[in-house]
Structure formats: C-alpha cells, structure tokens
Amino acid sequence: MHILLLGGTTEARRLAESLHGTARVTTSLAGRVAAPRLPPGEVRIGGFGGAEGLARWLREHQVDAVIDATHPFADTISSNAARAAAEAHVPLLVLRRPGWAPVDGDDWHPVDSLAQAAEAARALGRRIFLTTGRMGLASFAHVTDAWFLLRSVDPPEPPFPPHLEVLLDRGPFTLPGEREVLRRHAIDVLVTKDSGAAATSPKLRAAREAGVPVVIVRRPPAPEGVPVAGTVEEAAAWAAAQQAERDRDRGR
C-alpha cells in the first residue's frame, strides 16, 4: 500500500518510522526549513500546486491513502488535502496532537489570529517573546513601541518589527532553559500558537511560574467530515485498517 504522509512534525516522523517496512510511505515536506529532519522511506520536498496538483499527484503515483500529519496551523495544505483526496477518491486521515489546556496559575489570553495576537501582546507588555515561527512575523511588523525576541529554526525575512532580536534554536526545549530565556531577556509577554507539542510546552510552565501573561492563538479546525486521530498509534491503526480493507477488496 502506498501512503502519502504530509509531514513536518514530530508525529509525522514517528508515524513514518512506525509504518516503515509495512507500507510504502512517501513523506511530503513543505521545504520551509533549511535542514529538516528526514524520516525513513521516500521523501519529497516542495508544494504540489494546490488541491488540483495534489489530486493529480495522488493519481499519478497510485496513492492508496493520505495521512495529513502537518502542523495544526498548516490549514492551507490541510484544506487542499481534503479537496484532493475527495477528488481522487483516496481515503484521508488527519493526525492532530491534542491542544494545550490552561491550569491554575496560567494567565492566558486566547485570540484567533496573529494580527489579534500582535494587538493583545502590545497591550500587555513591551518585551515580547514570539514563539509563533518566522513565517508569521509580518503580523508584528507594525509594532514599533515594543521589543521582540523571536525564536526560530531559520533566520526570518522582512518585514519584521524594528526592535527585534532573533534566537536561532530548535526544540525540544527544557524548563530550566525556558526559565533562563524569560529571565535573561526580561520577558513580560509570551506569544505562542496552540500547537499542543510536548517538546515546546515548558515555556508555558515557565511563564506561569514567572507570572508572565501568554497570548495564545487558537488553532484552526480540521477539515469538516475528515476523521481525526489524536495519536501516532491511532493513525497507525487506521493505516492498518486501510491495508486490510484493500486486501479484502483484492481477494474478492
């Protein structure tokens, strides 16, 4: 069985490892990170050309199933995958890790977009720690009366705010390390997306301990009508069920 795995997350790599040897897996990466961690199996890098291009790729490469294990905020590719899978008549599963939930002591300020996050952060403080990635930095470019610390895997490109320091780093991050970042840079606001990743959650505890408010961008919903798995194990079981159904159809 040929599975197209839309990847770029820790869960996608783990799923590719789980399926390796039991199915032909092609992992697709967007190519936004200069040196991505490559999973086992076949890897393709770059876009498909929208939903129509993806549907054509599914047919040309005889894909039997698609698993969308992209970042929870990669809503464009998720939408394209849903449309392409429906057009090509290929089963689709979305793998999404659970989101974060606040606990006692958290000072969270939920918003629906990076534009709203910029205004909320500006109202809460003047030394802002951005952990939303370099691709969304333009939403903060107009804020001239605050200082920003951006943590990113790769250097950002303009436009970006005039008072900006870049910290190049890649998770997982530790609680002592996050405490030190907040302390060393005198951070008074944290901005993040509800990615739900355990590898990046220590910053939330560090902010809670330091009394730093958190502006958190809500994640977009998964495509309507598409089944969703919350764990790698659930996704692997779905793939096994697709394989069993395929084998039954061929045996008829």
C-alpha atoms as a PDB file:
ATOM      1  CA  MET A   1       0.000   0.000   0.000  1.00  0.00           C
ATOM      2  CA  HIS A   2       1.290   3.454  -0.938  1.00  0.00           C
ATOM      3  CA  ILE A   3       0.667   6.108   1.736  1.00  0.00           C
ATOM      4  CA  LEU A   4       1.295   9.800   1.221  1.00  0.00           C
ATOM      5  CA  LEU A   5       2.233  11.284   4.589  1.00  0.00           C
ATOM      6  CA  LEU A   6       2.021  15.064   4.749  1.00  0.00           C
ATOM      7  CA  GLY A   7       4.702  15.697   7.333  1.00  0.00           C
ATOM      8  CA  GLY A   8       6.946  18.209   9.012  1.00  0.00           C
ATOM      9  CA  THR A   9       6.037  17.337  12.613  1.00  0.00           C
ATOM     10  CA  THR A  10       7.438  15.023  15.254  1.00  0.00           C
ATOM     11  CA  GLU A  11       4.305  12.901  14.962  1.00  0.00           C
ATOM     12  CA  ALA A  12       4.825  12.549  11.209  1.00  0.00           C
ATOM     13  CA  ARG A  13       8.381  11.276  11.693  1.00  0.00           C
ATOM     14  CA  ARG A  14       7.246   8.818  14.339  1.00  0.00           C
ATOM     15  CA  LEU A  15       4.431   7.587  12.115  1.00  0.00           C
ATOM     16  CA  ALA A  16       6.804   7.141   9.171  1.00  0.00           C
ATOM     17  CA  GLU A  17       9.057   5.077  11.430  1.00  0.00           C
ATOM     18  CA  SER A  18       6.082   3.003  12.599  1.00  0.00           C
ATOM     19  CA  LEU A  19       4.879   2.292   9.068  1.00  0.00           C
ATOM     20  CA  HIS A  20       8.315   1.741   7.547  1.00  0.00           C
ATOM     21  CA  GLY A  21       8.613  -1.819   6.280  1.00  0.00           C
ATOM     22  CA  THR A  22       4.861  -2.480   6.326  1.00  0.00           C
ATOM     23  CA  ALA A  23       3.833   0.005   3.626  1.00  0.00           C
ATOM     24  CA  ARG A  24       5.375   2.233   1.025  1.00  0.00           C
ATOM     25  CA  VAL A  25       5.445   5.659   2.647  1.00  0.00           C
ATOM     26  CA  THR A  26       6.198   8.907   0.860  1.00  0.00           C
ATOM     27  CA  THR A  27       6.608  11.817   3.259  1.00  0.00           C
ATOM     28  CA  SER A  28       5.992  15.250   1.797  1.00  0.00           C
ATOM     29  CA  LEU A  29       7.721  18.255   3.377  1.00  0.00           C
ATOM     30  CA  ALA A  30       6.903  21.864   2.570  1.00  0.00           C
ATOM     31  CA  GLY A  31      10.569  22.862   2.317  1.00  0.00           C
ATOM     32  CA  ARG A  32      10.350  25.848   4.636  1.00  0.00           C
ATOM     33  CA  VAL A  33      13.114  24.570   6.943  1.00  0.00           C
ATOM     34  CA  ALA A  34      16.640  24.630   5.509  1.00  0.00           C
ATOM     35  CA  ALA A  35      17.797  21.361   7.115  1.00  0.00           C
ATOM     36  CA  PRO A  36      14.733  19.279   8.055  1.00  0.00           C
ATOM     37  CA  ARG A  37      14.983  16.043   9.995  1.00  0.00           C
ATOM     38  CA  LEU A  38      14.217  13.447   7.359  1.00  0.00           C
ATOM     39  CA  PRO A  39      12.060  10.415   8.185  1.00  0.00           C
ATOM     40  CA  PRO A  40      12.638   6.895   6.811  1.00  0.00           C
ATOM     41  CA  GLY A  41      11.142   5.978   3.461  1.00  0.00           C
ATOM     42  CA  GLU A  42      10.695   8.168   0.410  1.00  0.00           C
ATOM     43  CA  VAL A  43      10.747  11.950   0.842  1.00  0.00           C
ATOM     44  CA  ARG A  44       9.575  14.707  -1.471  1.00  0.00           C
ATOM     45  CA  ILE A  45      10.108  18.402  -0.757  1.00  0.00           C
ATOM     46  CA  GLY A  46       8.024  21.272  -2.091  1.00  0.00           C
ATOM     47  CA  GLY A  47       4.434  22.103  -2.914  1.00  0.00           C
ATOM     48  CA  PHE A  48       2.017  20.267  -5.187  1.00  0.00           C
ATOM     49  CA  GLY A  49       0.393  23.225  -6.911  1.00  0.00           C
ATOM     50  CA  GLY A  50      -2.783  23.448  -4.855  1.00  0.00           C
ATOM     51  CA  ALA A  51      -5.558  20.919  -4.457  1.00  0.00           C
ATOM     52  CA  GLU A  52      -5.706  20.112  -8.179  1.00  0.00           C
ATOM     53  CA  GLY A  53      -1.967  19.460  -8.330  1.00  0.00           C
ATOM     54  CA  LEU A  54      -2.140  17.237  -5.277  1.00  0.00           C
ATOM     55  CA  ALA A  55      -5.068  15.258  -6.698  1.00  0.00           C
ATOM     56  CA  ARG A  56      -3.106  14.734  -9.894  1.00  0.00           C
ATOM     57  CA  TRP A  57      -0.056  13.575  -7.901  1.00  0.00           C
ATOM     58  CA  LEU A  58      -2.194  11.091  -5.961  1.00  0.00           C
ATOM     59  CA  ARG A  59      -3.480   9.553  -9.178  1.00  0.00           C
ATOM     60  CA  GLU A  60      -0.144   9.534 -10.993  1.00  0.00           C
ATOM     61  CA  HIS A  61       1.670   7.879  -8.075  1.00  0.00           C
ATOM     62  CA  GLN A  62      -1.144   5.439  -7.301  1.00  0.00           C
ATOM     63  CA  VAL A  63      -1.551   6.567  -3.700  1.00  0.00           C
ATOM     64  CA  ASP A  64      -3.893   4.365  -1.660  1.00  0.00           C
ATOM     65  CA  ALA A  65      -4.260   6.585   1.432  1.00  0.00           C
ATOM     66  CA  VAL A  66      -3.288  10.043   2.685  1.00  0.00           C
ATOM     67  CA  ILE A  67      -2.418  10.979   6.250  1.00  0.00           C
ATOM     68  CA  ASP A  68      -2.245  14.690   6.994  1.00  0.00           C
ATOM     69  CA  ALA A  69       0.225  14.981   9.877  1.00  0.00           C
ATOM     70  CA  THR A  70       1.182  18.589   9.233  1.00  0.00           C
ATOM     71  CA  HIS A  71       1.352  21.286  11.904  1.00  0.00           C
ATOM     72  CA  PRO A  72      -2.058  22.110  13.439  1.00  0.00           C
ATOM     73  CA  PHE A  73      -1.791  25.587  11.889  1.00  0.00           C
ATOM     74  CA  ALA A  74      -0.998  24.406   8.352  1.00  0.00           C
ATOM     75  CA  ASP A  75      -4.614  24.963   7.373  1.00  0.00           C
ATOM     76  CA  THR A  76      -3.934  25.649   3.682  1.00  0.00           C
ATOM     77  CA  ILE A  77      -2.342  22.268   2.979  1.00  0.00           C
ATOM     78  CA  SER A  78      -4.957  20.556   5.167  1.00  0.00           C
ATOM     79  CA  SER A  79      -7.750  22.137   3.136  1.00  0.00           C
ATOM     80  CA  ASN A  80      -6.026  21.226  -0.127  1.00  0.00           C
ATOM     81  CA  ALA A  81      -5.510  17.652   1.076  1.00  0.00           C
ATOM     82  CA  ALA A  82      -9.199  17.256   1.880  1.00  0.00           C
ATOM     83  CA  ARG A  83     -10.232  18.529  -1.541  1.00  0.00           C
ATOM     84  CA  ALA A  84      -7.611  16.481  -3.383  1.00  0.00           C
ATOM     85  CA  ALA A  85      -8.389  13.242  -1.533  1.00  0.00           C
ATOM     86  CA  ALA A  86     -12.086  13.649  -2.297  1.00  0.00           C
ATOM     87  CA  GLU A  87     -11.373  14.358  -5.973  1.00  0.00           C
ATOM     88  CA  ALA A  88      -9.013  11.388  -6.314  1.00  0.00           C
ATOM     89  CA  HIS A  89     -11.283   9.110  -4.220  1.00  0.00           C
ATOM     90  CA  VAL A  90      -8.474   8.358  -1.742  1.00  0.00           C
ATOM     91  CA  PRO A  91      -9.177   7.894   1.996  1.00  0.00           C
ATOM     92  CA  LEU A  92      -7.793  10.667   4.204  1.00  0.00           C
ATOM     93  CA  LEU A  93      -6.958  10.842   7.895  1.00  0.00           C
ATOM     94  CA  VAL A  94      -5.877  13.919   9.863  1.00  0.00           C
ATOM     95  CA  LEU A  95      -3.345  13.326  12.663  1.00  0.00           C
ATOM     96  CA  ARG A  96      -3.540  16.184  15.167  1.00  0.00           C
ATOM     97  CA  ARG A  97      -1.941  16.163  18.587  1.00  0.00           C
ATOM     98  CA  PRO A  98      -4.296  17.453  21.326  1.00  0.00           C
ATOM     99  CA  GLY A  99      -4.123  21.145  22.088  1.00  0.00           C
ATOM    100  CA  TRP A 100      -2.926  22.644  25.357  1.00  0.00           C
ATOM    101  CA  ALA A 101      -5.261  23.336  28.278  1.00  0.00           C
ATOM    102  CA  PRO A 102      -4.709  26.027  30.921  1.00  0.00           C
ATOM    103  CA  VAL A 103      -4.133  25.092  34.564  1.00  0.00           C
ATOM    104  CA  ASP A 104      -4.348  27.050  37.807  1.00  0.00           C
ATOM    105  CA  GLY A 105      -1.981  29.994  37.721  1.00  0.00           C
ATOM    106  CA  ASP A 106      -1.979  30.467  33.953  1.00  0.00           C
ATOM    107  CA  ASP A 107      -2.747  33.933  32.601  1.00  0.00           C
ATOM    108  CA  TRP A 108      -3.850  33.108  29.070  1.00  0.00           C
ATOM    109  CA  HIS A 109      -5.298  35.498  26.522  1.00  0.00           C
ATOM    110  CA  PRO A 110      -6.749  33.470  23.606  1.00  0.00           C
ATOM    111  CA  VAL A 111      -7.007  35.101  20.180  1.00  0.00           C
ATOM    112  CA  ASP A 112      -7.997  33.877  16.725  1.00  0.00           C
ATOM    113  CA  SER A 113      -5.145  35.223  14.597  1.00  0.00           C
ATOM    114  CA  LEU A 114      -1.605  36.557  14.642  1.00  0.00           C
ATOM    115  CA  ALA A 115      -2.961  40.030  13.895  1.00  0.00           C
ATOM    116  CA  GLN A 116      -5.054  39.839  17.070  1.00  0.00           C
ATOM    117  CA  ALA A 117      -2.045  38.438  18.924  1.00  0.00           C
ATOM    118  CA  ALA A 118       0.021  41.479  17.988  1.00  0.00           C
ATOM    119  CA  GLU A 119      -2.556  43.866  19.443  1.00  0.00           C
ATOM    120  CA  ALA A 120      -3.104  41.756  22.575  1.00  0.00           C
ATOM    121  CA  ALA A 121       0.627  41.453  23.278  1.00  0.00           C
ATOM    122  CA  ARG A 122       1.145  45.156  22.739  1.00  0.00           C
ATOM    123  CA  ALA A 123      -1.490  45.895  25.366  1.00  0.00           C
ATOM    124  CA  LEU A 124       0.074  43.530  27.907  1.00  0.00           C
ATOM    125  CA  GLY A 125       3.756  44.432  27.802  1.00  0.00           C
ATOM    126  CA  ARG A 126       6.766  45.789  25.959  1.00  0.00           C
ATOM    127  CA  ARG A 127       9.241  42.865  25.951  1.00  0.00           C
ATOM    128  CA  ILE A 128       7.571  40.179  23.910  1.00  0.00           C
ATOM    129  CA  PHE A 129       8.783  36.626  23.338  1.00  0.00           C
ATOM    130  CA  LEU A 130       7.496  35.352  19.990  1.00  0.00           C
ATOM    131  CA  THR A 131       7.363  31.567  19.568  1.00  0.00           C
ATOM    132  CA  THR A 132       4.968  31.639  16.623  1.00  0.00           C
ATOM    133  CA  GLY A 133       7.578  30.970  13.923  1.00  0.00           C
ATOM    134  CA  ARG A 134       9.275  33.206  11.393  1.00  0.00           C
ATOM    135  CA  MET A 135       6.556  32.849   8.742  1.00  0.00           C
ATOM    136  CA  GLY A 136       4.074  34.948  10.733  1.00  0.00           C
ATOM    137  CA  LEU A 137       6.451  37.712  11.741  1.00  0.00           C
ATOM    138  CA  ALA A 138       4.925  40.197   9.312  1.00  0.00           C
ATOM    139  CA  SER A 139       1.849  40.418  11.550  1.00  0.00           C
ATOM    140  CA  PHE A 140       4.027  42.178  14.157  1.00  0.00           C
ATOM    141  CA  ALA A 141       5.991  44.424  11.787  1.00  0.00           C
ATOM    142  CA  HIS A 142       3.843  47.481  12.501  1.00  0.00           C
ATOM    143  CA  VAL A 143       4.515  47.367  16.252  1.00  0.00           C
ATOM    144  CA  THR A 144       7.226  49.975  16.794  1.00  0.00           C
ATOM    145  CA  ASP A 145       6.826  50.596  20.534  1.00  0.00           C
ATOM    146  CA  ALA A 146       7.805  47.126  21.777  1.00  0.00           C
ATOM    147  CA  TRP A 147      10.895  44.895  21.728  1.00  0.00           C
ATOM    148  CA  PHE A 148      10.609  41.362  20.363  1.00  0.00           C
ATOM    149  CA  LEU A 149      12.577  38.187  20.860  1.00  0.00           C
ATOM    150  CA  LEU A 150      11.826  35.739  18.056  1.00  0.00           C
ATOM    151  CA  ARG A 151      12.778  32.102  18.412  1.00  0.00           C
ATOM    152  CA  SER A 152      13.076  30.355  15.063  1.00  0.00           C
ATOM    153  CA  VAL A 153      14.824  27.396  13.433  1.00  0.00           C
ATOM    154  CA  ASP A 154      15.920  29.548  10.473  1.00  0.00           C
ATOM    155  CA  PRO A 155      16.549  33.307  10.181  1.00  0.00           C
ATOM    156  CA  PRO A 156      13.446  35.383   9.328  1.00  0.00           C
ATOM    157  CA  GLU A 157      12.965  37.538   6.267  1.00  0.00           C
ATOM    158  CA  PRO A 158      11.400  41.025   6.304  1.00  0.00           C
ATOM    159  CA  PRO A 159       9.062  42.581   7.014  1.00  0.00           C
ATOM    160  CA  PHE A 160       9.590  42.406  10.741  1.00  0.00           C
ATOM    161  CA  PRO A 161       9.344  44.830  13.690  1.00  0.00           C
ATOM    162  CA  PRO A 162      12.176  47.361  14.056  1.00  0.00           C
ATOM    163  CA  HIS A 163      13.154  46.237  17.567  1.00  0.00           C
ATOM    164  CA  LEU A 164      13.848  42.552  17.073  1.00  0.00           C
ATOM    165  CA  GLU A 165      16.357  40.025  18.348  1.00  0.00           C
ATOM    166  CA  VAL A 166      16.443  36.546  16.829  1.00  0.00           C
ATOM    167  CA  LEU A 167      17.238  33.404  18.785  1.00  0.00           C
ATOM    168  CA  LEU A 168      18.005  30.519  16.407  1.00  0.00           C
ATOM    169  CA  ASP A 169      17.109  27.290  18.151  1.00  0.00           C
ATOM    170  CA  ARG A 170      15.209  24.066  17.636  1.00  0.00           C
ATOM    171  CA  GLY A 171      13.196  22.095  20.209  1.00  0.00           C
ATOM    172  CA  PRO A 172      12.685  20.159  22.307  1.00  0.00           C
ATOM    173  CA  PHE A 173      13.167  22.819  24.978  1.00  0.00           C
ATOM    174  CA  THR A 174      13.756  22.284  28.691  1.00  0.00           C
ATOM    175  CA  LEU A 175      12.074  24.004  31.623  1.00  0.00           C
ATOM    176  CA  PRO A 176      15.387  25.370  33.020  1.00  0.00           C
ATOM    177  CA  GLY A 177      16.227  26.693  29.567  1.00  0.00           C
ATOM    178  CA  GLU A 178      12.868  28.418  29.191  1.00  0.00           C
ATOM    179  CA  ARG A 179      13.146  29.959  32.641  1.00  0.00           C
ATOM    180  CA  GLU A 180      16.540  31.366  31.662  1.00  0.00           C
ATOM    181  CA  VAL A 181      15.242  32.850  28.402  1.00  0.00           C
ATOM    182  CA  LEU A 182      12.461  34.680  30.242  1.00  0.00           C
ATOM    183  CA  ARG A 183      14.838  35.897  32.946  1.00  0.00           C
ATOM    184  CA  ARG A 184      17.774  36.889  30.715  1.00  0.00           C
ATOM    185  CA  HIS A 185      15.614  38.904  28.331  1.00  0.00           C
ATOM    186  CA  ALA A 186      13.231  40.312  30.969  1.00  0.00           C
ATOM    187  CA  ILE A 187      10.251  38.979  29.034  1.00  0.00           C
ATOM    188  CA  ASP A 188       6.866  40.319  30.147  1.00  0.00           C
ATOM    189  CA  VAL A 189       4.640  38.721  27.452  1.00  0.00           C
ATOM    190  CA  LEU A 190       4.798  35.342  25.709  1.00  0.00           C
ATOM    191  CA  VAL A 191       3.086  34.819  22.339  1.00  0.00           C
ATOM    192  CA  THR A 192       2.524  31.303  21.059  1.00  0.00           C
ATOM    193  CA  LYS A 193       0.233  29.157  18.942  1.00  0.00           C
ATOM    194  CA  ASP A 194      -1.765  26.308  20.428  1.00  0.00           C
ATOM    195  CA  SER A 195       0.443  23.720  18.746  1.00  0.00           C
ATOM    196  CA  GLY A 196      -0.010  21.275  21.614  1.00  0.00           C
ATOM    197  CA  ALA A 197       3.505  19.854  21.332  1.00  0.00           C
ATOM    198  CA  ALA A 198       5.098  18.441  24.476  1.00  0.00           C
ATOM    199  CA  ALA A 199       8.505  19.479  23.136  1.00  0.00           C
ATOM    200  CA  THR A 200       7.561  23.158  23.364  1.00  0.00           C
ATOM    201  CA  SER A 201       5.232  23.154  26.380  1.00  0.00           C
ATOM    202  CA  PRO A 202       7.888  24.004  29.044  1.00  0.00           C
ATOM    203  CA  LYS A 203       7.614  27.670  28.029  1.00  0.00           C
ATOM    204  CA  LEU A 204       4.025  27.671  29.326  1.00  0.00           C
ATOM    205  CA  ARG A 205       5.089  26.425  32.747  1.00  0.00           C
ATOM    206  CA  ALA A 206       7.993  28.875  32.830  1.00  0.00           C
ATOM    207  CA  ALA A 207       5.585  31.724  32.042  1.00  0.00           C
ATOM    208  CA  ARG A 208       3.166  30.516  34.723  1.00  0.00           C
ATOM    209  CA  GLU A 209       5.938  30.427  37.328  1.00  0.00           C
ATOM    210  CA  ALA A 210       7.151  33.910  36.366  1.00  0.00           C
ATOM    211  CA  GLY A 211       3.658  35.429  36.220  1.00  0.00           C
ATOM    212  CA  VAL A 212       4.101  36.233  32.527  1.00  0.00           C
ATOM    213  CA  PRO A 213       0.846  36.519  30.545  1.00  0.00           C
ATOM    214  CA  VAL A 214       0.514  34.285  27.478  1.00  0.00           C
ATOM    215  CA  VAL A 215      -1.193  35.341  24.271  1.00  0.00           C
ATOM    216  CA  ILE A 216      -2.200  32.061  22.651  1.00  0.00           C
ATOM    217  CA  VAL A 217      -3.525  31.762  19.110  1.00  0.00           C
ATOM    218  CA  ARG A 218      -6.341  29.222  18.783  1.00  0.00           C
ATOM    219  CA  ARG A 219      -5.774  26.508  16.185  1.00  0.00           C
ATOM    220  CA  PRO A 220      -7.988  26.305  13.093  1.00  0.00           C
ATOM    221  CA  PRO A 221     -10.419  23.364  12.931  1.00  0.00           C
ATOM    222  CA  ALA A 222      -9.616  20.243  10.933  1.00  0.00           C
ATOM    223  CA  PRO A 223     -11.394  19.949   7.551  1.00  0.00           C
ATOM    224  CA  GLU A 224     -15.050  19.099   8.002  1.00  0.00           C
ATOM    225  CA  GLY A 225     -16.013  15.464   7.571  1.00  0.00           C
ATOM    226  CA  VAL A 226     -12.442  14.103   7.771  1.00  0.00           C
ATOM    227  CA  PRO A 227     -11.628  11.560  10.525  1.00  0.00           C
ATOM    228  CA  VAL A 228      -9.089  12.780  13.090  1.00  0.00           C
ATOM    229  CA  ALA A 229      -6.566  10.734  15.092  1.00  0.00           C
ATOM    230  CA  GLY A 230      -5.016  12.210  18.221  1.00  0.00           C
ATOM    231  CA  THR A 231      -2.004   9.886  18.468  1.00  0.00           C
ATOM    232  CA  VAL A 232       0.521   8.168  16.230  1.00  0.00           C
ATOM    233  CA  GLU A 233      -0.813   4.814  17.422  1.00  0.00           C
ATOM    234  CA  GLU A 234      -4.346   5.678  16.306  1.00  0.00           C
ATOM    235  CA  ALA A 235      -3.042   6.773  12.913  1.00  0.00           C
ATOM    236  CA  ALA A 236      -1.033   3.557  12.503  1.00  0.00           C
ATOM    237  CA  ALA A 237      -4.138   1.517  13.357  1.00  0.00           C
ATOM    238  CA  TRP A 238      -6.123   3.455  10.731  1.00  0.00           C
ATOM    239  CA  ALA A 239      -3.441   2.712   8.135  1.00  0.00           C
ATOM    240  CA  ALA A 240      -3.548  -0.988   9.057  1.00  0.00           C
ATOM    241  CA  ALA A 241      -7.332  -0.974   8.651  1.00  0.00           C
ATOM    242  CA  GLN A 242      -6.979   0.627   5.204  1.00  0.00           C
ATOM    243  CA  GLN A 243      -4.487  -2.094   4.256  1.00  0.00           C
ATOM    244  CA  ALA A 244      -6.830  -4.842   5.471  1.00  0.00           C
ATOM    245  CA  GLU A 245      -9.746  -3.375   3.527  1.00  0.00           C
ATOM    246  CA  ARG A 246      -7.603  -3.095   0.422  1.00  0.00           C
ATOM    247  CA  ASP A 247      -6.527  -6.734   0.774  1.00  0.00           C
ATOM    248  CA  ARG A 248     -10.141  -7.841   1.169  1.00  0.00           C
ATOM    249  CA  ASP A 249     -11.177  -5.952  -1.953  1.00  0.00           C
ATOM    250  CA  ARG A 250      -8.388  -7.563  -3.944  1.00  0.00           C
ATOM    251  CA  GLY A 251      -9.384 -11.014  -2.685  1.00  0.00           C
ATOM    252  CA  ARG A 252     -12.957 -10.737  -3.908  1.00  0.00           C
END
